[in-house]
Amino acid sequence: MTQIRISQGSPVNWPPTWRTAPLWSIFERVKDVGHPEEELLSVYREHGVVKREQRDDNFNKAALDRNIYQLVHPGWLVVNRMKAWQGSVGVSPYRGIVSGHYICFRPTHGEDHRFLNWLFRSAVYTAEYASLSRGVRPNQVEIDNDWLRSLRVFLPPTDEQRRIADFLDAETARIDALSRTQKRLLSVLAERRTAGVAETVSGGGLHKRRKSTLAWLESIPASWQEVRVGLLAQMGSGHTPSRSRPDWWTDCLIPWITTGEVKQVRDDRIEDLYETREKISELGMENSSAELHPKGTVFLCRTASAGYSGVMGRDMATSQDFVTWTCGPRLNPYYLLWCLRAMRPDLLGRLAMGSTHKTIYVPDLQMLRIPLPPLKEQENIVAKIRKDNAEIDVLVDKARRQGELLQERRQALITAAVTGQFDVSTASGRGVDVS
């Protein structure tokens, strides 16, 4: 093997018998616009495939914009100038149009198009795109066309190109099938977890039942009540001190829950929130409608990331995007939390308003009702949910890790194959060392 640089990046080992050529010698930059009737294509970063976009109302409304889209043909190289470093590069198998964010190249060679697609999507080339991209911010960079054209392309004989492409087509298809199985498993586990929570908060283990009047439940134990939350807990909210008063934003020590904290509770694994990205000051709180809620207060986001909830692990304030409930002696805050999480689909489907950003309005939340078992039974329900969820979460973590390993294997296999690290003629992909 010979160490050679592709462009500006680190040297890469390549078979000495492979020839090299600058990209400009096998591809010609073309910008052919004015074909709005053609099929819209996109290069997907996940597996680096050029896919046809679905036609819908938004697609049809964009007819005027599509006049500036660029026409490409099968075998053309398309590079998203702003996302090449993330893998948005591919050789198109279709005729269609791509947006102006792409740099399009017409082939002037007799190389195997499938091999080139795998090559340009390999880790060594993606790393090279990153080294050639420039911008004012880390996530806002572009690759320069002239630098891209100067990339060195490493090419085995065409019959070997075809063997490598055939091998990768077969092996990645096998890995992708396993990945789809893992995704289906994750979906099943998520459904089981959600259904288990709803069943448990509604007393699923008790047999003497009656029909529920709650929209999100079918039945509850006959001895349970259905009570408005406002009768069991003090409802509150929050506010944002004026940003035009810098003196209200000094000595900020009070944890302040904003929509940025939703990501901490989005997967429903965390119950208690202890830390926040932002804090407010006592002076700011005194000069606004913000309130300091005690530890154990339940909060629910009602805007933007509507429907997500948690429990304050310490005294905290919130922005106006949240409602809170400080539970009285008849209501366990964690039981209320799991009721809110169980009813989330109903909250978003029946009460949330807005097409883009969902909002649940306070008057609707004031009328919110839950099933109410005795306090000791609430505690037992919470304990069962925690136990059941912990068992499912172990399986979820294993499935996710297996999915990550499959993707790592996929990328390593691609890179090893297109850089000639092993002979694909004698490899199955299963026993190939790609470490």
Protein backbone atom coordinates (compact mmCIF):
# COMPACT_ATOMS: atom_id res chain seq x y z
CA MET A 1 0.00 0.00 0.00
CA THR A 2 1.13 3.56 -0.73
CA GLN A 3 0.31 6.61 1.39
CA ILE A 4 -1.03 9.44 -0.80
CA ARG A 5 -3.01 12.59 0.01
CA ILE A 6 -6.38 13.11 -1.67
CA SER A 7 -5.99 16.88 -1.40
CA GLN A 8 -5.21 18.76 1.80
CA GLY A 9 -6.10 16.08 4.36
CA SER A 10 -4.11 13.28 5.98
CA PRO A 11 -2.39 10.69 3.77
CA VAL A 12 -4.40 7.56 2.95
CA ASN A 13 -3.14 4.08 2.10
CA TRP A 14 -3.94 3.11 -1.51
CA PRO A 15 -2.89 0.13 -3.65
CA PRO A 16 0.12 1.19 -5.72
CA THR A 17 -1.43 -0.31 -8.88
CA TRP A 18 -4.43 2.04 -8.77
CA ARG A 19 -4.25 5.09 -10.98
CA THR A 20 -5.16 8.61 -9.87
CA ALA A 21 -6.86 11.45 -11.69
CA PRO A 22 -8.04 14.91 -10.63
CA LEU A 23 -11.81 15.16 -10.40
CA TRP A 24 -11.90 17.80 -13.15
CA SER A 25 -10.46 15.28 -15.64
CA ILE A 26 -13.38 12.84 -15.24
CA PHE A 27 -16.22 15.26 -14.45
CA GLU A 28 -17.27 18.56 -16.02
CA ARG A 29 -19.15 21.22 -14.06
CA VAL A 30 -22.55 21.93 -15.66
CA LYS A 31 -25.41 24.19 -14.55
CA ASP A 32 -28.50 23.42 -16.64
CA VAL A 33 -31.58 25.28 -15.30
CA GLY A 34 -35.11 25.92 -16.53
CA HIS A 35 -36.65 22.45 -16.25
CA PRO A 36 -39.41 22.87 -13.62
CA GLU A 37 -41.40 19.89 -14.90
CA GLU A 38 -38.63 17.40 -14.07
CA GLU A 39 -38.65 15.16 -11.01
CA LEU A 40 -37.16 16.64 -7.84
CA LEU A 41 -34.15 14.79 -6.38
CA SER A 42 -32.26 15.07 -3.09
CA VAL A 43 -29.05 13.53 -1.79
CA TYR A 44 -29.66 11.91 1.58
CA ARG A 45 -26.80 12.00 4.05
CA GLU A 46 -27.76 8.85 5.97
CA HIS A 47 -26.88 6.35 3.28
CA GLY A 48 -25.76 8.69 0.54
CA VAL A 49 -28.39 7.85 -1.96
CA VAL A 50 -30.05 10.14 -4.46
CA LYS A 51 -33.80 9.77 -3.98
CA ARG A 52 -36.87 11.03 -5.74
CA GLU A 53 -38.91 13.47 -3.65
CA GLN A 54 -42.63 12.90 -3.13
CA ARG A 55 -44.90 15.30 -4.96
CA ASP A 56 -47.33 17.06 -2.61
CA ASP A 57 -49.05 20.42 -2.28
CA ASN A 58 -45.83 22.14 -1.19
CA PHE A 59 -43.99 20.62 -4.14
CA ASN A 60 -46.58 21.94 -6.59
CA LYS A 61 -46.55 25.41 -5.01
CA ALA A 62 -42.79 25.62 -5.61
CA ALA A 63 -43.10 25.54 -9.41
CA LEU A 64 -41.60 28.99 -9.88
CA ASP A 65 -38.66 28.19 -7.61
CA ARG A 66 -37.97 25.02 -9.59
CA ASN A 67 -37.10 27.08 -12.66
CA ILE A 68 -33.70 27.74 -11.04
CA TYR A 69 -33.15 24.08 -10.14
CA GLN A 70 -30.44 22.22 -12.02
CA LEU A 71 -31.02 19.26 -14.31
CA VAL A 72 -28.92 16.14 -13.74
CA HIS A 73 -28.81 12.80 -15.55
CA PRO A 74 -27.92 9.26 -14.46
CA GLY A 75 -24.22 9.07 -13.62
CA TRP A 76 -23.88 12.76 -12.73
CA LEU A 77 -22.08 13.71 -9.54
CA VAL A 78 -24.13 15.99 -7.25
CA VAL A 79 -22.56 17.70 -4.24
CA ASN A 80 -24.43 19.75 -1.67
CA ARG A 81 -21.97 22.60 -1.27
CA MET A 82 -23.10 23.31 2.33
CA LYS A 83 -23.48 19.71 3.54
CA ALA A 84 -20.78 17.80 1.68
CA TRP A 85 -18.84 17.49 4.94
CA GLN A 86 -21.86 15.68 6.39
CA GLY A 87 -21.99 13.20 3.50
CA SER A 88 -24.52 14.87 1.19
CA VAL A 89 -22.71 13.74 -1.96
CA GLY A 90 -23.75 11.14 -4.50
CA VAL A 91 -23.78 9.92 -8.07
CA SER A 92 -27.36 10.11 -9.31
CA PRO A 93 -29.03 7.00 -10.77
CA TYR A 94 -31.92 9.18 -12.00
CA ARG A 95 -32.75 12.06 -14.29
CA GLY A 96 -34.20 14.97 -12.35
CA ILE A 97 -33.57 18.40 -10.84
CA VAL A 98 -31.71 19.41 -7.69
CA SER A 99 -31.68 22.74 -5.88
CA GLY A 100 -29.15 25.51 -6.33
CA HIS A 101 -27.30 24.36 -3.21
CA TYR A 102 -25.78 21.55 -5.29
CA ILE A 103 -22.72 21.59 -7.52
CA CYS A 104 -23.42 19.32 -10.49
CA PHE A 105 -20.86 17.50 -12.62
CA ARG A 106 -21.39 15.68 -15.91
CA PRO A 107 -19.25 12.54 -16.33
CA THR A 108 -16.59 12.55 -19.05
CA HIS A 109 -15.24 9.10 -18.20
CA GLY A 110 -15.89 5.39 -18.62
CA GLU A 111 -15.63 4.51 -14.91
CA ASP A 112 -18.26 2.53 -13.00
CA HIS A 113 -20.85 4.98 -11.64
CA ARG A 114 -21.72 2.80 -8.66
CA PHE A 115 -18.08 2.51 -7.59
CA LEU A 116 -17.68 6.29 -7.78
CA ASN A 117 -20.80 6.76 -5.67
CA TRP A 118 -19.34 4.51 -2.95
CA LEU A 119 -15.93 6.15 -3.26
CA PHE A 120 -17.15 9.72 -2.94
CA ARG A 121 -19.29 8.73 0.05
CA SER A 122 -16.51 6.94 1.93
CA ALA A 123 -15.17 8.28 5.22
CA VAL A 124 -11.84 9.35 3.67
CA TYR A 125 -13.59 11.58 1.13
CA THR A 126 -16.15 12.93 3.61
CA ALA A 127 -13.24 13.95 5.85
CA GLU A 128 -11.65 15.63 2.85
CA TYR A 129 -14.82 17.62 2.11
CA ALA A 130 -14.74 18.82 5.72
CA SER A 131 -11.12 19.98 5.37
CA LEU A 132 -12.02 21.88 2.17
CA SER A 133 -15.15 23.55 3.57
CA ARG A 134 -14.93 27.08 4.88
CA GLY A 135 -17.35 29.37 6.71
CA VAL A 136 -17.86 31.86 9.50
CA ARG A 137 -19.57 29.34 11.79
CA PRO A 138 -18.89 25.62 12.41
CA ASN A 139 -22.27 24.53 11.01
CA GLN A 140 -22.41 27.10 8.20
CA VAL A 141 -19.62 26.13 5.84
CA GLU A 142 -19.37 25.59 2.10
CA ILE A 143 -17.03 23.63 -0.09
CA ASP A 144 -15.29 25.63 -2.78
CA ASN A 145 -15.89 24.47 -6.36
CA ASP A 146 -12.27 24.93 -7.46
CA TRP A 147 -10.96 22.97 -4.48
CA LEU A 148 -13.53 20.26 -5.14
CA ARG A 149 -12.47 19.97 -8.77
CA SER A 150 -8.85 19.46 -7.66
CA LEU A 151 -9.66 16.36 -5.57
CA ARG A 152 -7.61 13.33 -6.54
CA VAL A 153 -9.74 10.34 -7.48
CA PHE A 154 -8.24 6.87 -6.94
CA LEU A 155 -9.34 4.37 -9.56
CA PRO A 156 -8.75 0.63 -9.78
CA PRO A 157 -9.27 -1.11 -13.15
CA THR A 158 -12.90 -0.95 -14.26
CA ASP A 159 -13.53 -4.67 -13.74
CA GLU A 160 -12.35 -4.29 -10.13
CA GLN A 161 -14.54 -1.22 -9.77
CA ARG A 162 -17.53 -3.36 -10.73
CA ARG A 163 -16.54 -6.10 -8.28
CA ILE A 164 -16.21 -3.58 -5.44
CA ALA A 165 -19.57 -2.00 -6.32
CA ASP A 166 -21.27 -5.43 -6.49
CA PHE A 167 -19.76 -6.38 -3.14
CA LEU A 168 -20.85 -3.16 -1.45
CA ASP A 169 -24.32 -3.30 -2.98
CA ALA A 170 -24.82 -6.77 -1.50
CA GLU A 171 -23.17 -6.23 1.88
CA THR A 172 -24.76 -2.84 2.61
CA ALA A 173 -28.14 -4.26 1.63
CA ARG A 174 -27.63 -6.98 4.24
CA ILE A 175 -26.59 -4.44 6.88
CA ASP A 176 -29.49 -2.15 5.97
CA ALA A 177 -31.93 -5.04 6.39
CA LEU A 178 -30.55 -5.64 9.88
CA SER A 179 -30.80 -1.91 10.61
CA ARG A 180 -34.45 -1.87 9.56
CA THR A 181 -35.08 -4.78 11.92
CA GLN A 182 -33.46 -2.82 14.76
CA LYS A 183 -35.60 0.23 13.96
CA ARG A 184 -38.76 -1.90 13.98
CA LEU A 185 -37.72 -3.31 17.33
CA LEU A 186 -37.21 0.20 18.72
CA SER A 187 -40.63 1.20 17.43
CA VAL A 188 -42.25 -1.82 19.08
CA LEU A 189 -40.48 -1.14 22.37
CA ALA A 190 -41.57 2.52 22.29
CA GLU A 191 -45.17 1.48 21.66
CA ARG A 192 -45.00 -1.09 24.46
CA ARG A 193 -43.60 1.52 26.87
CA THR A 194 -46.29 4.07 26.00
CA ALA A 195 -49.09 1.53 26.22
CA GLY A 196 -47.73 0.21 29.51
CA VAL A 197 -47.77 3.65 31.12
CA ALA A 198 -51.35 4.32 29.99
CA GLU A 199 -52.51 0.93 31.22
CA THR A 200 -50.82 1.31 34.61
CA VAL A 201 -52.05 4.83 35.42
CA SER A 202 -55.58 3.63 34.61
CA GLY A 203 -55.38 0.71 37.03
CA GLY A 204 -54.97 -1.96 34.40
CA GLY A 205 -54.47 -4.72 36.96
CA LEU A 206 -57.86 -4.19 38.60
CA HIS A 207 -60.79 -6.12 37.11
CA LYS A 208 -63.92 -4.42 38.43
CA ARG A 209 -64.06 -1.52 36.02
CA ARG A 210 -66.35 1.09 34.57
CA LYS A 211 -66.30 3.14 31.39
CA SER A 212 -64.12 6.23 31.64
CA THR A 213 -65.37 9.69 30.73
CA LEU A 214 -61.80 10.76 29.94
CA ALA A 215 -61.01 11.05 26.22
CA TRP A 216 -57.65 9.30 26.60
CA LEU A 217 -58.86 6.26 28.56
CA GLU A 218 -61.40 3.53 27.85
CA SER A 219 -62.02 2.36 31.41
CA ILE A 220 -60.89 2.78 35.03
CA PRO A 221 -61.48 0.82 38.23
CA ALA A 222 -65.05 1.26 39.48
CA SER A 223 -63.85 2.64 42.83
CA TRP A 224 -61.74 5.42 41.31
CA GLN A 225 -62.87 8.98 40.75
CA GLU A 226 -62.15 11.23 37.78
CA VAL A 227 -61.15 14.59 39.20
CA ARG A 228 -60.15 17.96 37.77
CA VAL A 229 -56.45 18.50 38.48
CA GLY A 230 -57.14 22.05 39.66
CA LEU A 231 -59.01 20.62 42.66
CA LEU A 232 -55.99 18.56 43.66
CA ALA A 233 -53.09 20.90 42.90
CA GLN A 234 -52.43 24.63 42.74
CA MET A 235 -51.98 25.66 39.13
CA GLY A 236 -49.34 28.26 38.25
CA SER A 237 -47.26 29.56 35.38
CA GLY A 238 -44.24 31.73 34.74
CA HIS A 239 -42.90 34.75 32.95
CA THR A 240 -39.82 36.30 31.36
CA PRO A 241 -38.37 39.39 33.05
CA SER A 242 -37.85 42.25 30.61
CA ARG A 243 -34.67 41.84 28.60
CA SER A 244 -34.47 45.63 28.25
CA ARG A 245 -33.50 45.86 31.91
CA PRO A 246 -29.94 44.56 32.24
CA ASP A 247 -30.07 45.11 36.00
CA TRP A 248 -32.79 42.44 36.19
CA TRP A 249 -30.40 39.97 34.54
CA THR A 250 -27.47 40.25 36.95
CA ASP A 251 -26.82 37.92 39.90
CA CYS A 252 -29.03 35.31 38.26
CA LEU A 253 -29.13 32.32 40.61
CA ILE A 254 -32.72 31.03 40.36
CA PRO A 255 -33.09 28.03 37.98
CA TRP A 256 -35.48 29.04 35.20
CA ILE A 257 -37.17 26.42 33.03
CA THR A 258 -37.54 27.42 29.36
CA THR A 259 -38.37 25.43 26.23
CA GLY A 260 -34.65 24.66 25.94
CA GLU A 261 -35.00 22.26 28.86
CA VAL A 262 -37.58 20.11 27.07
CA LYS A 263 -34.83 18.02 25.50
CA GLN A 264 -33.94 16.74 28.98
CA VAL A 265 -37.39 15.17 29.44
CA ARG A 266 -38.33 14.49 25.82
CA ASP A 267 -37.72 10.73 25.97
CA ASP A 268 -39.69 10.40 29.24
CA ARG A 269 -36.75 8.76 31.00
CA ILE A 270 -35.98 11.63 33.37
CA GLU A 271 -38.60 12.57 35.92
CA ASP A 272 -36.81 15.27 37.94
CA LEU A 273 -35.17 18.36 36.48
CA TYR A 274 -32.32 19.82 38.53
CA GLU A 275 -30.37 22.12 36.22
CA THR A 276 -31.41 24.72 33.66
CA ARG A 277 -29.46 26.51 30.95
CA GLU A 278 -30.71 29.92 32.07
CA LYS A 279 -31.32 31.49 35.45
CA ILE A 280 -33.10 34.62 36.59
CA SER A 281 -32.45 36.98 39.47
CA GLU A 282 -34.59 37.74 42.50
CA LEU A 283 -34.92 41.32 41.23
CA GLY A 284 -36.11 40.11 37.84
CA MET A 285 -38.63 37.79 39.44
CA GLU A 286 -39.94 40.55 41.71
CA ASN A 287 -40.51 42.81 38.68
CA SER A 288 -42.31 40.24 36.52
CA SER A 289 -45.05 37.66 36.81
CA ALA A 290 -42.50 34.87 37.31
CA GLU A 291 -43.05 32.72 40.39
CA LEU A 292 -40.72 30.57 42.48
CA HIS A 293 -42.26 27.11 42.59
CA PRO A 294 -41.28 24.62 45.30
CA LYS A 295 -39.40 21.38 44.74
CA GLY A 296 -41.81 18.66 43.58
CA THR A 297 -43.89 20.97 41.39
CA VAL A 298 -44.99 19.37 38.12
CA PHE A 299 -44.43 21.39 34.93
CA LEU A 300 -45.88 20.98 31.44
CA CYS A 301 -44.69 22.77 28.29
CA ARG A 302 -47.70 24.19 26.46
CA THR A 303 -46.00 25.90 23.47
CA ALA A 304 -43.34 24.98 20.87
CA SER A 305 -42.43 21.55 22.33
CA ALA A 306 -45.94 21.19 23.71
CA GLY A 307 -46.94 18.23 25.85
CA TYR A 308 -43.63 17.40 27.53
CA SER A 309 -43.52 17.35 31.31
CA GLY A 310 -41.32 16.82 34.36
CA VAL A 311 -40.98 17.47 38.07
CA MET A 312 -38.87 20.23 39.60
CA GLY A 313 -35.99 18.67 41.51
CA ARG A 314 -35.44 21.93 43.40
CA ASP A 315 -37.16 25.29 43.78
CA MET A 316 -37.47 26.77 40.27
CA ALA A 317 -39.21 29.36 38.12
CA THR A 318 -40.48 28.91 34.56
CA SER A 319 -41.08 30.99 31.48
CA GLN A 320 -44.61 31.71 30.26
CA ASP A 321 -44.36 28.64 28.01
CA PHE A 322 -45.20 26.38 30.95
CA VAL A 323 -48.00 25.63 33.36
CA THR A 324 -47.27 24.14 36.76
CA TRP A 325 -49.12 22.18 39.41
CA THR A 326 -48.05 22.13 43.04
CA CYS A 327 -49.78 19.04 44.36
CA GLY A 328 -51.90 18.93 47.48
CA PRO A 329 -52.12 16.01 49.97
CA ARG A 330 -54.38 13.85 47.76
CA LEU A 331 -52.13 13.82 44.69
CA ASN A 332 -48.65 12.34 44.24
CA PRO A 333 -46.69 14.62 41.86
CA TYR A 334 -45.11 11.64 40.08
CA TYR A 335 -48.49 10.03 39.53
CA LEU A 336 -49.67 13.32 37.98
CA LEU A 337 -46.49 13.37 35.86
CA TRP A 338 -47.18 9.93 34.42
CA CYS A 339 -50.82 10.80 33.82
CA LEU A 340 -49.67 13.84 31.81
CA ARG A 341 -47.24 11.69 29.84
CA ALA A 342 -49.91 9.05 29.19
CA MET A 343 -52.35 11.67 27.91
CA ARG A 344 -49.82 13.48 25.70
CA PRO A 345 -51.28 12.15 22.42
CA ASP A 346 -54.70 13.41 23.52
CA LEU A 347 -53.31 16.79 24.58
CA LEU A 348 -51.63 17.27 21.22
CA GLY A 349 -54.42 15.78 19.12
CA ARG A 350 -57.46 17.25 20.82
CA LEU A 351 -56.37 20.37 22.68
CA ALA A 352 -53.27 21.71 20.93
CA MET A 353 -53.92 24.45 18.38
CA GLY A 354 -51.78 25.58 15.43
CA SER A 355 -50.43 23.90 12.31
CA THR A 356 -46.71 24.62 12.68
CA HIS A 357 -46.16 25.36 16.36
CA LYS A 358 -48.66 23.64 18.62
CA THR A 359 -50.02 25.55 21.63
CA ILE A 360 -52.16 24.24 24.46
CA TYR A 361 -54.12 27.10 25.95
CA VAL A 362 -54.44 27.65 29.71
CA PRO A 363 -58.28 27.48 29.87
CA ASP A 364 -58.14 23.95 28.42
CA LEU A 365 -55.48 22.93 30.94
CA GLN A 366 -57.57 24.37 33.77
CA MET A 367 -60.26 21.80 32.92
CA LEU A 368 -57.83 18.87 32.73
CA ARG A 369 -59.03 15.73 34.56
CA ILE A 370 -57.27 12.57 35.66
CA PRO A 371 -58.27 9.27 37.29
CA LEU A 372 -57.68 9.43 41.05
CA PRO A 373 -56.85 6.28 43.02
CA PRO A 374 -56.01 6.40 46.75
CA LEU A 375 -52.62 7.95 47.54
CA LYS A 376 -50.97 4.64 48.44
CA GLU A 377 -52.13 3.16 45.16
CA GLN A 378 -50.70 6.18 43.31
CA GLU A 379 -47.32 5.41 44.87
CA ASN A 380 -47.57 1.76 43.82
CA ILE A 381 -48.48 2.79 40.28
CA VAL A 382 -45.44 5.08 40.05
CA ALA A 383 -43.18 2.31 41.34
CA LYS A 384 -44.55 -0.16 38.77
CA ILE A 385 -44.11 2.30 35.90
CA ARG A 386 -40.52 2.92 36.92
CA LYS A 387 -39.78 -0.81 37.12
CA ASP A 388 -41.46 -1.64 33.79
CA ASN A 389 -39.85 1.29 32.00
CA ALA A 390 -36.39 0.42 33.33
CA GLU A 391 -36.69 -3.08 31.88
CA ILE A 392 -37.77 -1.74 28.48
CA ASP A 393 -35.08 0.97 28.50
CA VAL A 394 -32.37 -1.70 28.91
CA LEU A 395 -33.64 -3.37 25.73
CA VAL A 396 -33.87 0.00 23.95
CA ASP A 397 -30.28 0.88 24.84
CA LYS A 398 -29.06 -2.49 23.56
CA ALA A 399 -31.00 -2.10 20.30
CA ARG A 400 -29.70 1.43 19.78
CA ARG A 401 -26.12 0.34 20.39
CA GLN A 402 -26.53 -2.53 17.95
CA GLY A 403 -27.88 -0.06 15.40
CA GLU A 404 -24.89 2.23 15.94
CA LEU A 405 -22.48 -0.68 15.54
CA LEU A 406 -24.18 -1.68 12.29
CA GLN A 407 -23.73 1.84 10.90
CA GLU A 408 -20.11 1.94 12.04
CA ARG A 409 -19.58 -1.42 10.36
CA ARG A 410 -21.27 -0.19 7.19
CA GLN A 411 -19.10 2.91 6.88
CA ALA A 412 -15.91 1.05 7.75
CA LEU A 413 -16.70 -1.65 5.18
CA ILE A 414 -17.31 0.96 2.47
CA THR A 415 -14.06 2.79 3.22
CA ALA A 416 -12.01 -0.40 3.38
CA ALA A 417 -13.45 -1.65 0.08
CA VAL A 418 -13.01 1.54 -1.96
CA THR A 419 -9.46 2.05 -0.70
CA GLY A 420 -8.41 -1.49 -1.60
CA GLN A 421 -7.78 -2.67 1.98
CA PHE A 422 -8.95 -6.19 1.09
CA ASP A 423 -9.82 -8.29 -1.93
CA VAL A 424 -13.59 -8.24 -2.37
CA SER A 425 -13.40 -11.29 -4.63
CA THR A 426 -12.65 -13.52 -1.64
CA ALA A 427 -14.51 -11.59 1.08
CA SER A 428 -18.06 -12.00 2.28
CA GLY A 429 -18.03 -8.86 4.42
CA ARG A 430 -18.68 -10.86 7.58
CA GLY A 431 -15.13 -11.84 8.36
CA VAL A 432 -13.42 -8.76 6.94
CA ASP A 433 -11.25 -6.90 9.44
CA VAL A 434 -12.15 -3.21 9.07
CA SER A 435 -10.73 -2.04 12.39
